[in-house]
Protein backbone atom coordinates (compact mmCIF):
# COMPACT_ATOMS: atom_id res chain seq x y z
CA MET A 1 117.97 92.19 113.39
CA THR A 2 117.14 90.47 109.65
CA SER A 3 114.79 91.22 108.00
CA HIS A 4 112.36 87.98 106.04
CA THR A 5 109.86 90.21 104.03
CA ALA A 6 109.57 93.60 102.46
CA VAL A 7 107.02 95.42 101.35
CA ARG A 8 105.96 95.08 97.58
CA THR A 9 103.20 95.90 95.86
CA VAL A 10 102.97 92.97 93.62
CA TYR A 11 100.00 92.62 90.57
CA ARG A 12 98.42 90.26 88.27
CA LEU A 13 98.94 89.89 85.48
CA GLY A 14 96.11 87.80 83.79
CA THR A 15 96.45 87.30 79.88
CA VAL A 16 100.44 87.50 80.00
CA ALA A 17 101.67 83.57 78.51
CA PRO A 18 104.33 82.38 81.55
CA THR A 19 107.46 82.27 78.93
CA LEU A 20 110.25 84.55 79.52
CA GLU A 21 109.86 86.26 76.22
CA ALA A 22 106.47 86.88 76.40
CA MET A 23 107.20 89.05 79.81
CA PHE A 24 109.19 91.01 78.41
CA GLU A 25 107.68 91.28 75.09
CA VAL A 26 104.66 92.85 76.82
CA LEU A 27 106.11 96.01 78.62
CA ASP A 28 107.28 99.40 76.44
CA HIS A 29 109.71 98.99 75.31
CA GLU A 30 110.36 103.18 74.18
CA GLN A 31 109.63 103.61 77.47
CA LEU A 32 112.35 101.04 79.27
CA ASP A 33 114.93 102.84 76.79
CA ARG A 34 113.91 106.48 77.26
CA LEU A 35 113.93 105.66 81.72
CA GLY A 36 117.69 103.65 80.54
CA ALA A 37 116.32 100.63 81.80
CA GLU A 38 118.99 98.05 82.83
CA LEU A 39 117.40 94.01 81.80
CA HIS A 40 118.28 91.40 84.42
CA HIS A 41 117.67 87.32 84.47
CA PRO A 42 117.92 86.03 87.93
CA GLU A 43 118.01 82.84 88.13
CA VAL A 44 117.37 81.94 92.03
CA LEU A 45 113.61 82.23 92.03
CA GLY A 46 113.73 78.55 89.76
CA VAL A 47 110.79 80.29 88.21
CA PRO A 48 111.19 82.03 85.21
CA ALA A 49 111.50 85.84 85.82
CA VAL A 50 112.64 88.66 84.33
CA TYR A 51 114.47 92.02 86.31
CA LEU A 52 114.07 95.67 85.60
CA THR A 53 115.90 98.45 87.24
CA TYR A 54 116.29 102.10 86.89
CA GLY A 55 117.23 105.06 87.95
CA LYS A 56 116.39 108.55 86.13
CA GLY A 57 118.05 111.23 87.81
CA GLU A 58 117.28 115.06 87.19
CA GLU A 59 120.33 118.31 87.43
CA ALA A 60 116.47 119.94 89.09
CA ASP A 61 113.93 119.43 91.16
CA THR A 62 110.71 121.48 89.61
CA TRP A 63 110.21 123.58 92.47
CA CYS A 64 113.54 125.48 91.60
CA ALA A 65 113.30 127.99 88.79
CA PRO A 66 109.77 129.06 90.04
CA ASN A 67 111.72 129.20 93.71
CA ALA A 68 114.62 131.02 92.12
CA ARG A 69 112.31 133.00 90.16
CA THR A 70 110.11 133.88 93.65
CA THR A 71 113.50 134.42 95.78
CA GLY A 72 115.58 136.00 92.52
CA ILE A 73 118.15 133.28 94.19
CA PRO A 74 118.88 130.24 91.88
CA VAL A 75 119.05 127.24 94.32
CA PHE A 76 119.63 123.76 91.17
CA GLU A 77 119.05 120.45 93.09
CA PRO A 78 118.72 117.51 91.46
CA VAL A 79 116.62 114.03 92.28
CA ARG A 80 116.82 111.16 90.39
CA ARG A 81 114.11 108.43 90.86
CA THR A 82 114.00 104.96 90.85
CA GLY A 83 112.06 101.72 90.32
CA ALA A 84 112.61 97.84 90.05
CA LEU A 85 110.25 96.07 88.55
CA LEU A 86 110.05 92.00 88.74
CA LEU A 87 108.08 89.67 86.68
CA LEU A 88 107.74 85.89 87.47
CA ALA A 89 105.78 83.36 86.67
CA VAL A 90 104.98 81.04 88.94
CA ASP A 91 102.80 77.73 88.29
CA GLY A 92 101.56 79.31 85.39
CA GLN A 93 100.14 83.07 86.78
CA VAL A 94 102.66 86.16 86.10
CA TYR A 95 103.06 88.39 88.45
CA ALA A 96 104.33 91.72 88.77
CA VAL A 97 106.36 92.91 91.80
CA THR A 98 106.71 96.27 91.68
CA CYS A 99 109.76 98.86 94.58
CA GLY A 100 110.24 102.78 94.63
CA ASN A 101 108.60 104.13 90.89
CA GLY A 102 108.63 100.11 89.51
CA TYR A 103 104.88 100.31 88.72
CA ARG A 104 105.25 103.13 86.15
CA LEU A 105 107.13 99.97 84.33
CA VAL A 106 103.78 97.67 84.05
CA PRO A 107 101.38 98.22 81.38
CA ASP A 108 97.94 99.41 83.16
CA ALA A 109 95.72 97.23 79.93
CA LEU A 110 97.46 94.23 81.48
CA LYS A 111 96.51 94.43 85.11
CA ASP A 112 93.98 92.61 87.03
CA LYS A 113 92.08 95.12 88.37
CA ARG A 114 90.38 93.70 90.72
CA PHE A 115 93.26 90.85 91.71
CA GLY A 116 93.80 93.39 95.56
CA LEU A 117 90.80 93.36 96.36
CA ARG A 118 89.69 90.47 95.83
CA PHE A 119 92.60 88.71 98.19
CA ALA A 120 91.14 91.61 100.49
CA ILE A 121 87.77 90.48 100.98
CA ARG A 122 88.92 87.69 101.55
CA MET A 123 91.46 87.85 104.60
CA ILE A 124 91.31 91.10 106.03
CA ASP A 125 89.93 91.05 109.25
CA PRO A 126 86.91 92.38 108.72
CA ARG A 127 86.53 93.77 112.05
CA HIS A 128 89.68 95.94 111.82
CA ILE A 129 89.77 97.35 108.56
CA SER A 130 91.55 100.39 108.01
CA GLY A 131 91.38 102.86 105.07
CA ALA A 132 89.09 102.01 101.98
CA VAL A 133 88.32 103.69 99.23
CA THR A 134 84.67 104.17 97.08
CA LYS A 135 82.94 105.16 94.31
CA ALA A 136 79.45 106.79 94.86
CA LEU A 137 77.72 105.20 92.20
CA GLY A 138 75.40 108.01 89.82
CA ARG A 139 78.53 110.71 91.23
CA PRO A 140 82.03 111.62 90.05
CA ARG A 141 83.26 111.88 93.20
CA THR A 142 85.55 109.18 94.83
CA ASP A 143 85.35 109.30 99.07
CA ILE A 144 88.79 107.90 101.00
CA SER A 145 87.87 106.77 104.52
CA LEU A 146 91.61 106.03 106.29
CA VAL A 147 91.44 104.76 110.19
CA PRO A 148 94.78 103.15 110.97
CA ALA A 149 94.50 101.76 114.26
CA GLY A 150 91.89 99.86 112.16
CA THR A 151 87.73 99.30 112.90
CA SER A 152 84.76 96.34 111.98
CA VAL A 153 82.82 97.12 108.59
CA PRO A 154 79.51 99.06 109.72
CA ALA A 155 81.50 101.24 111.83
CA LEU A 156 83.93 102.85 108.21
CA GLY A 157 80.10 102.70 106.89
CA ILE A 158 80.87 101.66 103.29
CA ARG A 159 78.25 98.48 103.71
CA ASP A 160 75.96 100.93 101.06
CA GLN A 161 74.91 99.17 97.33
CA ALA A 162 74.86 103.23 96.10
CA ARG A 163 79.16 102.66 96.46
CA VAL A 164 81.34 100.94 95.29
CA VAL A 165 84.63 99.13 96.82
CA ARG A 166 88.15 99.87 94.70
CA HIS A 167 90.41 100.12 97.61
CA LEU A 168 90.42 98.00 100.73
CA GLY A 169 93.41 97.65 103.67
CA GLY A 170 92.64 96.00 107.03
CA HIS A 171 94.58 93.56 108.98
CA LEU A 172 94.92 90.11 107.61
CA ASP A 173 93.79 87.31 108.91
CA ASP A 174 95.57 83.82 110.25
CA ILE A 175 97.44 83.13 106.41
CA PRO A 176 100.48 81.15 105.91
CA LEU A 177 102.98 83.77 104.53
CA THR A 178 106.51 84.38 104.89
CA ARG A 179 105.78 87.15 107.69
CA SER A 180 103.00 85.10 109.44
CA ARG A 181 105.67 82.69 110.21
CA HIS A 182 107.96 85.14 112.01
CA ALA A 183 105.47 88.04 113.30
CA ASN A 184 106.06 87.21 117.13
CA GLY A 185 102.27 88.76 117.31
CA ARG A 186 103.10 91.74 115.85
CA ALA A 187 100.24 92.13 113.26
CA CYS A 188 99.98 92.16 109.44
CA THR A 189 98.52 94.43 107.38
CA ALA A 190 97.56 94.76 103.26
CA GLN A 191 95.88 97.19 101.35
CA GLY A 192 94.02 95.83 97.77
CA GLY A 193 93.18 97.37 93.99
CA VAL A 194 94.77 96.90 91.89
CA GLY A 195 97.53 95.53 93.07
CA LEU A 196 97.75 94.25 96.50
CA ARG A 197 100.69 95.82 98.59
CA LEU A 198 101.92 93.66 101.60
CA PRO A 199 105.31 92.47 103.25
CA LEU A 200 106.26 89.28 100.80
CA GLY A 201 109.16 86.98 102.03
CA ILE A 202 112.55 88.89 100.73
CA GLU A 203 114.92 85.18 100.19
CA PRO A 204 113.62 83.37 96.44
CA ALA A 205 111.64 80.79 98.11
CA ASP A 206 110.20 82.68 100.18
CA LEU A 207 108.94 84.96 98.00
CA VAL A 208 107.92 82.38 95.65
CA GLU A 209 105.33 80.50 97.92
CA ASP A 210 104.12 83.49 99.35
CA LEU A 211 102.94 84.16 95.28
CA ARG A 212 101.55 80.08 95.71
CA THR A 213 100.04 81.23 98.53
CA ILE A 214 98.18 84.42 97.26
CA THR A 215 96.73 82.37 94.25
CA ARG A 216 95.58 79.47 96.38
CA VAL A 217 93.83 82.47 98.58
CA CYS A 218 92.54 84.32 95.59
CA GLN A 219 90.40 80.97 93.16
CA GLY A 220 89.82 78.66 96.33
CA ASP A 221 88.33 80.97 99.15
CA ASN A 222 84.96 81.91 100.41
CA PRO A 223 85.29 86.30 100.89
CA HIS A 224 84.47 86.83 104.39
CA PRO A 225 81.05 87.10 105.36
CA GLU A 226 80.88 90.27 106.10
CA LEU A 227 82.75 91.59 102.85
CA GLU A 228 80.75 90.04 100.18
CA PHE A 229 78.82 93.17 99.95
CA VAL A 230 82.12 93.95 97.84
CA ASP A 231 81.90 91.60 95.09
CA HIS A 232 77.55 93.02 94.00
CA ILE A 233 79.21 94.85 91.42
CA VAL A 234 80.33 92.25 89.32
CA PRO A 235 82.61 93.00 85.73
CA VAL A 236 81.16 92.19 82.56
CA THR A 237 82.75 89.07 80.86
CA ASP A 238 80.67 88.08 78.22
CA ALA A 239 82.02 88.77 75.11
CA VAL A 240 78.73 90.24 73.13
CA THR A 241 77.01 91.85 75.80
CA ARG A 242 80.44 93.80 76.00
CA ALA A 243 80.23 94.83 71.77
CA GLY A 244 76.43 95.86 73.04
CA LEU A 245 77.45 97.93 75.73
CA ASP A 246 80.67 99.30 73.72
CA ALA A 247 78.75 100.93 70.85
CA ALA A 248 76.47 102.05 73.24
CA LEU A 249 78.31 104.17 74.25
CA ASP A 250 80.07 105.20 71.08
CA ARG A 251 76.01 106.41 69.98
CA LEU A 252 75.87 108.35 73.54
CA LEU A 253 79.20 109.86 72.70
CA GLY A 254 78.04 111.65 69.64
CA ALA A 255 74.86 112.81 71.13
CA PRO A 256 74.62 116.15 73.63
CA PRO A 257 75.76 115.72 76.81
CA ASP A 258 73.29 114.65 79.65
CA GLY A 259 74.57 113.76 82.27
CA ARG A 260 75.46 110.12 81.71
CA ILE A 261 78.71 110.32 81.35
CA SER A 262 81.60 111.89 84.18
CA PHE A 263 84.66 111.63 84.96
CA SER A 264 85.94 109.62 87.82
CA VAL A 265 90.19 110.01 88.46
CA PRO A 266 91.52 106.14 87.90
CA LEU A 267 92.05 103.66 90.90
CA ASP A 268 95.63 103.24 90.26
CA LEU A 269 96.02 106.98 90.34
CA HIS A 270 94.91 108.14 93.36
CA ASP A 271 98.60 109.21 94.90
CA THR A 272 99.31 109.70 91.73
CA HIS A 273 97.28 112.58 90.39
CA THR A 274 97.68 115.02 93.67
CA GLU A 275 101.25 115.71 92.38
CA ALA A 276 100.48 116.83 88.81
CA THR A 277 100.13 119.89 87.70
CA ALA A 278 99.52 119.17 83.98
CA TYR A 279 97.92 116.26 82.50
CA ARG A 280 98.59 115.73 78.23
CA THR A 281 95.67 114.98 76.48
CA ARG A 282 95.02 113.10 72.99
CA VAL A 283 91.98 111.98 71.35
CA GLY A 284 91.46 111.19 67.89
CA SER A 285 94.26 112.95 66.69
CA THR A 286 98.67 113.60 66.92
CA ASP A 287 97.52 116.97 69.05
CA THR A 288 98.12 116.98 72.64
CA PHE A 289 96.05 118.95 74.96
CA LEU A 290 97.28 120.76 77.89
CA SER A 291 95.52 121.61 80.77
CA ASP A 292 95.91 121.87 85.01
CA ALA A 293 93.71 119.26 85.61
CA PHE A 294 91.77 116.33 83.51
CA ASP A 295 88.87 117.69 80.55
CA LEU A 296 86.35 115.68 80.67
CA SER A 297 84.19 118.48 78.71
CA TYR A 298 87.47 117.81 76.16
CA VAL A 299 87.72 114.56 75.68
CA LEU A 300 84.18 114.52 74.85
CA THR A 301 83.98 117.38 72.52
CA ARG A 302 86.66 115.18 70.72
CA ALA A 303 84.92 112.14 70.61
CA ARG A 304 81.39 113.83 69.26
CA ILE A 305 83.14 115.11 65.53
CA LEU A 306 84.60 112.38 65.72
CA ARG A 307 82.57 109.09 63.06
CA PRO A 308 80.48 107.16 64.72
CA GLY A 309 81.66 103.18 65.11
CA THR A 310 85.09 104.59 66.16
CA ARG A 311 84.49 107.03 68.89
CA LEU A 312 85.51 104.36 71.95
CA ALA A 313 88.47 103.49 69.95
CA ALA A 314 89.64 106.53 69.97
CA LEU A 315 89.29 106.83 73.40
CA ARG A 316 90.80 103.28 74.10
CA ASP A 317 93.65 104.46 72.01
CA GLY A 318 94.24 108.68 73.56
CA THR A 319 96.36 109.13 75.76
CA VAL A 320 96.51 111.12 79.40
CA THR A 321 100.13 111.59 80.69
CA LEU A 322 99.76 113.21 84.16
CA HIS A 323 103.51 115.36 84.69
CA ARG A 324 104.65 116.71 88.17
CA ASP A 325 105.38 120.33 85.50
CA PRO A 326 104.33 121.56 82.68
CA SER A 327 107.79 122.29 81.37
CA PRO A 328 108.45 119.80 78.32
CA ARG A 329 112.39 118.96 79.78
CA TYR A 330 111.03 117.79 81.93
CA ALA A 331 110.37 114.63 79.97
CA VAL A 332 109.71 111.31 82.71
CA PRO A 333 105.92 111.47 82.61
CA LEU A 334 104.60 110.45 86.29
CA ALA A 335 101.80 108.03 84.89
CA THR A 336 100.39 108.19 80.82
CA THR A 337 97.02 105.89 80.95
CA HIS A 338 93.92 105.94 78.14
CA ALA A 339 91.14 108.04 78.17
CA LEU A 340 88.59 106.03 78.56
CA ASP A 341 90.23 105.36 81.83
CA TRP A 342 89.09 108.41 83.50
CA VAL A 343 85.46 107.94 82.29
CA GLN A 344 82.63 106.61 84.16
CA ALA A 345 79.46 106.21 82.40
CA ASP A 346 75.36 104.73 82.91
CA VAL A 347 74.26 102.61 80.01
CA SER A 348 71.63 100.09 79.12
CA LEU A 349 70.84 97.22 77.34
CA GLY A 350 66.57 96.65 77.76
CA SER A 351 66.39 95.96 81.94
CA ARG A 352 69.87 95.85 83.15
CA LYS A 353 71.82 98.62 83.88
CA TYR A 354 75.93 98.98 83.34
CA CYS A 355 78.35 101.11 85.15
CA LEU A 356 82.06 102.01 83.02
CA LEU A 357 84.22 102.03 85.86
CA ASP A 358 88.72 102.71 84.92
CA GLY A 359 87.26 101.02 81.48
CA ASP A 360 85.43 97.77 82.36
CA TRP A 361 81.65 97.51 81.97
CA TYR A 362 80.00 96.53 85.64
CA ALA A 363 76.91 94.99 85.34
CA LEU A 364 74.66 96.53 88.62
CA GLY A 365 73.35 93.66 89.93
CA ASP A 366 69.26 93.21 89.78
CA GLY A 367 69.03 93.01 93.92
CA TYR A 368 70.66 96.06 94.10
CA ILE A 369 68.47 97.99 91.47
CA ASP A 370 65.93 96.32 92.85
CA SER A 371 66.42 98.60 96.42
CA VAL A 372 66.99 101.02 94.78
CA ARG A 373 64.14 101.92 93.83
CA ASP A 374 62.10 99.86 96.52
CA GLY A 375 64.18 102.36 98.34
CA LEU A 376 62.83 105.36 95.78
CA ARG A 377 59.41 104.80 96.03
CA ARG A 378 58.44 104.85 99.86
CA ILE A 379 59.89 108.37 99.32
CA PHE A 380 57.97 109.62 96.04
CA THR A 381 54.69 111.57 97.31
CA ASP A 382 51.16 112.50 95.35
CA ALA A 383 50.95 116.36 94.17
CA ALA A 384 47.58 116.40 96.26
CA VAL A 385 49.44 116.05 99.89
CA TYR A 386 50.28 119.08 98.92
CA GLY A 387 48.33 120.87 97.84
CA LEU A 388 50.56 121.73 94.10
CA PRO A 389 48.61 121.84 91.13
CA PRO A 390 48.92 120.78 87.62
CA TRP A 391 51.46 122.18 85.31
CA PRO A 392 49.79 123.94 81.56
CA GLY A 393 52.59 121.96 79.14
CA ALA A 394 54.03 125.32 78.23
CA THR A 395 54.28 126.97 81.04
CA ASN A 396 57.74 128.07 82.57
CA GLU A 397 59.48 127.09 86.21
CA ARG A 398 59.42 131.02 87.30
CA THR A 399 55.72 131.45 86.49
CA TYR A 400 54.34 127.66 87.31
CA ASN A 401 55.63 128.76 90.77
CA ARG A 402 54.26 131.67 91.22
CA ALA A 403 50.38 130.00 90.31
CA VAL A 404 51.47 127.57 93.44
CA ALA A 405 52.29 130.48 95.36
CA GLN A 406 48.72 132.26 94.75
CA ALA A 407 47.47 129.06 95.15
CA GLN A 408 48.63 128.01 97.93
CA PRO A 409 48.76 131.67 99.61
CA ASP A 410 50.20 131.02 103.27
CA TRP A 411 54.05 130.03 101.24
CA LEU A 412 56.37 132.59 99.89
CA PHE A 413 57.88 132.86 96.51
CA LEU A 414 62.27 132.94 96.23
CA ASP A 415 62.15 131.69 92.98
CA GLY A 416 65.42 134.02 91.40
CA GLU A 417 66.76 135.40 95.14
CA PHE A 418 69.92 134.39 95.44
CA ILE A 419 72.18 134.74 98.59
CA ASN A 420 76.19 135.16 98.23
CA ASN A 421 77.74 131.63 98.49
CA PRO A 422 80.33 132.64 101.32
CA PHE A 423 82.50 129.99 100.56
CA LYS A 424 82.97 131.41 96.75
CA ARG A 425 82.74 135.17 96.56
CA THR A 426 81.71 134.77 92.99
CA ASP A 427 79.43 132.32 93.27
CA ARG A 428 75.46 132.78 93.93
CA VAL A 429 73.11 130.42 95.60
CA GLU A 430 69.80 130.23 95.20
CA ILE A 431 68.19 127.96 98.49
CA CYS A 432 64.80 127.22 97.57
CA ASP A 433 61.94 128.59 94.89
CA LEU A 434 58.74 127.92 97.96
CA LEU A 435 59.56 127.63 101.41
CA THR A 436 56.18 126.40 103.97
CA PRO A 437 55.15 127.95 107.19
CA ASP A 438 56.87 124.93 108.55
CA GLY A 439 60.11 125.95 106.99
CA THR A 440 60.06 122.89 104.84
CA LEU A 441 62.03 123.78 101.28
CA ILE A 442 60.28 123.12 98.23
CA LEU A 443 62.48 123.25 95.06
CA VAL A 444 61.03 123.14 91.71
CA LYS A 445 62.44 121.14 87.59
CA GLN A 446 61.46 120.76 84.89
CA ALA A 447 63.87 118.37 83.79
CA ALA A 448 63.89 117.10 80.72
CA SER A 449 66.91 114.66 81.03
CA SER A 450 69.20 112.86 83.76
CA GLY A 451 71.69 116.04 83.74
CA SER A 452 68.73 118.84 84.28
CA PHE A 453 67.72 116.58 87.20
CA SER A 454 71.43 115.96 88.98
CA HIS A 455 71.20 119.95 88.44
CA LEU A 456 67.87 119.85 91.46
CA LEU A 457 69.67 117.07 92.95
CA GLY A 458 73.15 120.23 93.37
CA GLN A 459 70.97 122.70 93.73
CA ALA A 460 69.69 120.51 96.83
CA GLN A 461 72.38 119.44 98.41
CA VAL A 462 74.58 122.90 98.29
CA ALA A 463 71.87 124.43 99.77
CA VAL A 464 71.53 122.54 102.34
CA GLU A 465 75.30 122.70 103.02
CA LEU A 466 75.41 125.79 103.70
CA LEU A 467 72.63 127.33 105.83
CA HIS A 468 74.09 124.50 107.95
CA ASN A 469 77.75 124.62 107.64
CA SER A 470 78.24 129.05 108.12
CA SER A 471 76.40 131.23 110.02
CA GLU A 472 76.12 133.91 107.05
CA ALA A 473 74.61 132.06 104.43
CA ARG A 474 72.51 131.20 107.28
CA THR A 475 72.04 134.83 108.42
CA GLN A 476 71.05 135.93 104.35
CA PHE A 477 68.82 133.55 103.74
CA ILE A 478 66.47 133.91 107.16
CA ARG A 479 66.75 138.61 105.92
CA ARG A 480 66.07 137.56 102.23
CA VAL A 481 62.93 135.39 103.91
CA THR A 482 61.74 138.32 106.82
CA ARG A 483 62.34 140.98 103.77
CA ASN A 484 59.92 139.42 101.33
CA SER A 485 57.21 138.24 103.61
CA GLY A 486 56.74 141.28 104.57
CA GLY A 487 57.43 140.20 108.14
CA ARG A 488 54.69 137.32 107.80
CA LEU A 489 57.71 134.89 108.33
CA LYS A 490 60.89 134.73 110.75
CA LEU A 491 62.77 132.30 111.09
CA PRO A 492 64.96 131.34 114.35
CA ASP A 493 68.77 132.53 113.91
CA ASP A 494 69.23 128.69 114.04
CA PHE A 495 67.29 127.90 111.08
CA THR A 496 68.69 124.40 109.56
CA PRO A 497 65.67 122.72 107.62
CA ARG A 498 64.35 119.16 108.63
CA ARG A 499 62.21 118.96 105.25
CA LEU A 500 63.16 119.32 101.31
CA VAL A 501 60.44 118.83 98.45
CA LEU A 502 61.50 117.90 95.21
CA ALA A 503 58.54 119.03 92.62
CA VAL A 504 58.90 117.65 89.52
CA ARG A 505 58.24 117.46 86.08
CA HIS A 506 58.88 115.26 83.09
CA LYS A 507 58.68 118.45 80.25
CA SER A 508 57.73 115.64 77.78
CA GLY A 509 54.61 115.51 80.25
CA ALA A 510 55.30 111.92 80.74
CA THR A 511 54.99 111.09 84.44
CA VAL A 512 58.22 111.09 86.76
CA THR A 513 58.16 107.84 88.91
CA PRO A 514 61.16 105.75 89.74
CA ASP A 515 60.89 103.59 87.25
CA SER A 516 61.16 106.21 84.07
CA LEU A 517 63.83 107.77 86.06
CA PHE A 518 67.78 106.73 84.37
CA ALA A 519 69.87 104.23 86.79
CA PHE A 520 72.05 107.04 86.97
CA SER A 521 69.49 109.24 88.15
CA GLN A 522 68.40 106.26 90.70
CA ILE A 523 71.10 106.44 92.02
CA THR A 524 72.02 110.07 92.47
CA LEU A 525 68.84 110.28 94.20
CA HIS A 526 69.62 107.87 96.39
CA GLN A 527 73.21 108.92 97.56
CA THR A 528 71.33 112.42 98.09
CA VAL A 529 68.74 110.94 99.96
CA ARG A 530 70.91 108.95 102.48
CA ASP A 531 73.48 111.95 102.19
CA LEU A 532 70.15 114.72 103.38
CA THR A 533 69.25 112.09 105.65
CA ALA A 534 71.61 111.53 107.48
CA ARG A 535 72.06 115.09 108.74
CA GLY A 536 68.22 114.75 109.86
CA ILE A 537 66.81 116.54 107.02
CA SER A 538 63.42 113.87 105.46
CA VAL A 539 63.21 114.22 101.69
CA GLU A 540 60.05 113.82 99.66
CA VAL A 541 59.74 113.71 95.35
CA VAL A 542 55.99 114.90 93.94
CA PRO A 543 55.74 114.17 90.34
CA VAL A 544 54.03 116.79 89.27
CA PRO A 545 51.15 115.92 86.94
CA THR A 546 50.04 118.04 83.53
CA ALA A 547 47.25 120.12 83.13
CA THR A 548 45.80 117.57 79.90
CA ASP A 549 46.85 114.26 82.13
CA ALA A 550 44.73 115.82 85.61
CA ALA A 551 41.88 116.89 82.88
CA THR A 552 41.81 113.26 82.31
CA THR A 553 42.44 111.79 86.25
CA THR A 554 39.48 114.07 86.85
CA ALA A 555 37.40 113.51 84.17
CA ALA A 556 37.38 109.20 84.16
């Protein structure tokens, strides 16, 4: 039976002029020469179109040489990588349709980063979501959820204002595409992120009409009510605001790390980066740095030594190239991106909060920030509720924790008591600083930055994960409690915490409140509380007053 459609990936190139000359000129001609790409000018489409194809052969695949050394048996299996790129202008809009490895020919800077997602939230049935890629704000983590049979938005658990949805897949609602006319009752699916992957018409007229339909959907239709939440973070388009954010980030790049800069795999590389075994990074020089994974510390160090006003530009001009093999003879890379695309940053301008993702600035909606703060206010508890004494200004954490244990003789002092991490034998973990008779874990931190506060939240997460998931870690902790308490406290063999208290004092002496935390820390705390609550653990944050504050309050 003759097929009427083929699954392809299409990108929207919003800044490219709809002419043959412009479409060809925006491509990387050195890359085309290196790959031996052939240029074609198809006329049957009836619209301006540029078509490029290539096939690059290598004398042996990357596994051949190391396996020859391992087995002593030389085997050389050739490999050929192919790709096709069709650029076409439809009603003044330029699209790039790719097959095979053809997507690597499309310069990343030209892609409309929300094109595929814009289509997805309008046309995918919210009752049949088959997959999602989401970014937890405030964390260098990307979550990928796959449900091949399809499920609803609530069941997938992505409707959360602490997450940026970056990719969505599922069954399409009724839409007049070529596939729909020939589906014979079969479901049609699509995947939308930066690009849009779906069955498109094979015949010239069908392909052009499908692209016109996609344009109408993206420009005219409203998102599904159940998927509107995807747009709660919107790209910044105002030139003045972007310039202010760029200047603020340039200054931040020159300062010591404080946790507001992390890294995230660019959306377009979620599949490709798993194939990479070597990364070549270049920032501010002609020299490249070779590593087996992306190295944020190297990028930040290179940026920090540059002159103010040039740091951000160096990251925009810098590159990160991914290779299957570090050997120079494998000249064709998996992908090359701008170094800035790997950087995630949290920046404020006045009262507004912004986030840098994939090289673009996004504004965190006021409603989103307000909802996060409102949620955090409910978990902040006065120190007097737990009988925590004021913190003398010059006292370190360990001394303060001893003072708390003296003030609360039923509590057990565990500061500096470590257990071995069964999942990483070289790692030792401190579960908590203090333990109450009812098994409440109390973690104490004197924080000077969002980085040190994030470290506290990370410690809390690790402690809970170990006690829940490792019987060995649980046994170590229970024995340590029994020994250090002289048998006074005996936890059950299946002990897992039900309450966790984060006692925090800012090193400056300022009172810690939901409003005083950096947006980065607010979001991280929000997500941590959400994760721990899902495990049945209640979380409270207790701001510890300084001794001078307490004295002033008493006098008043």
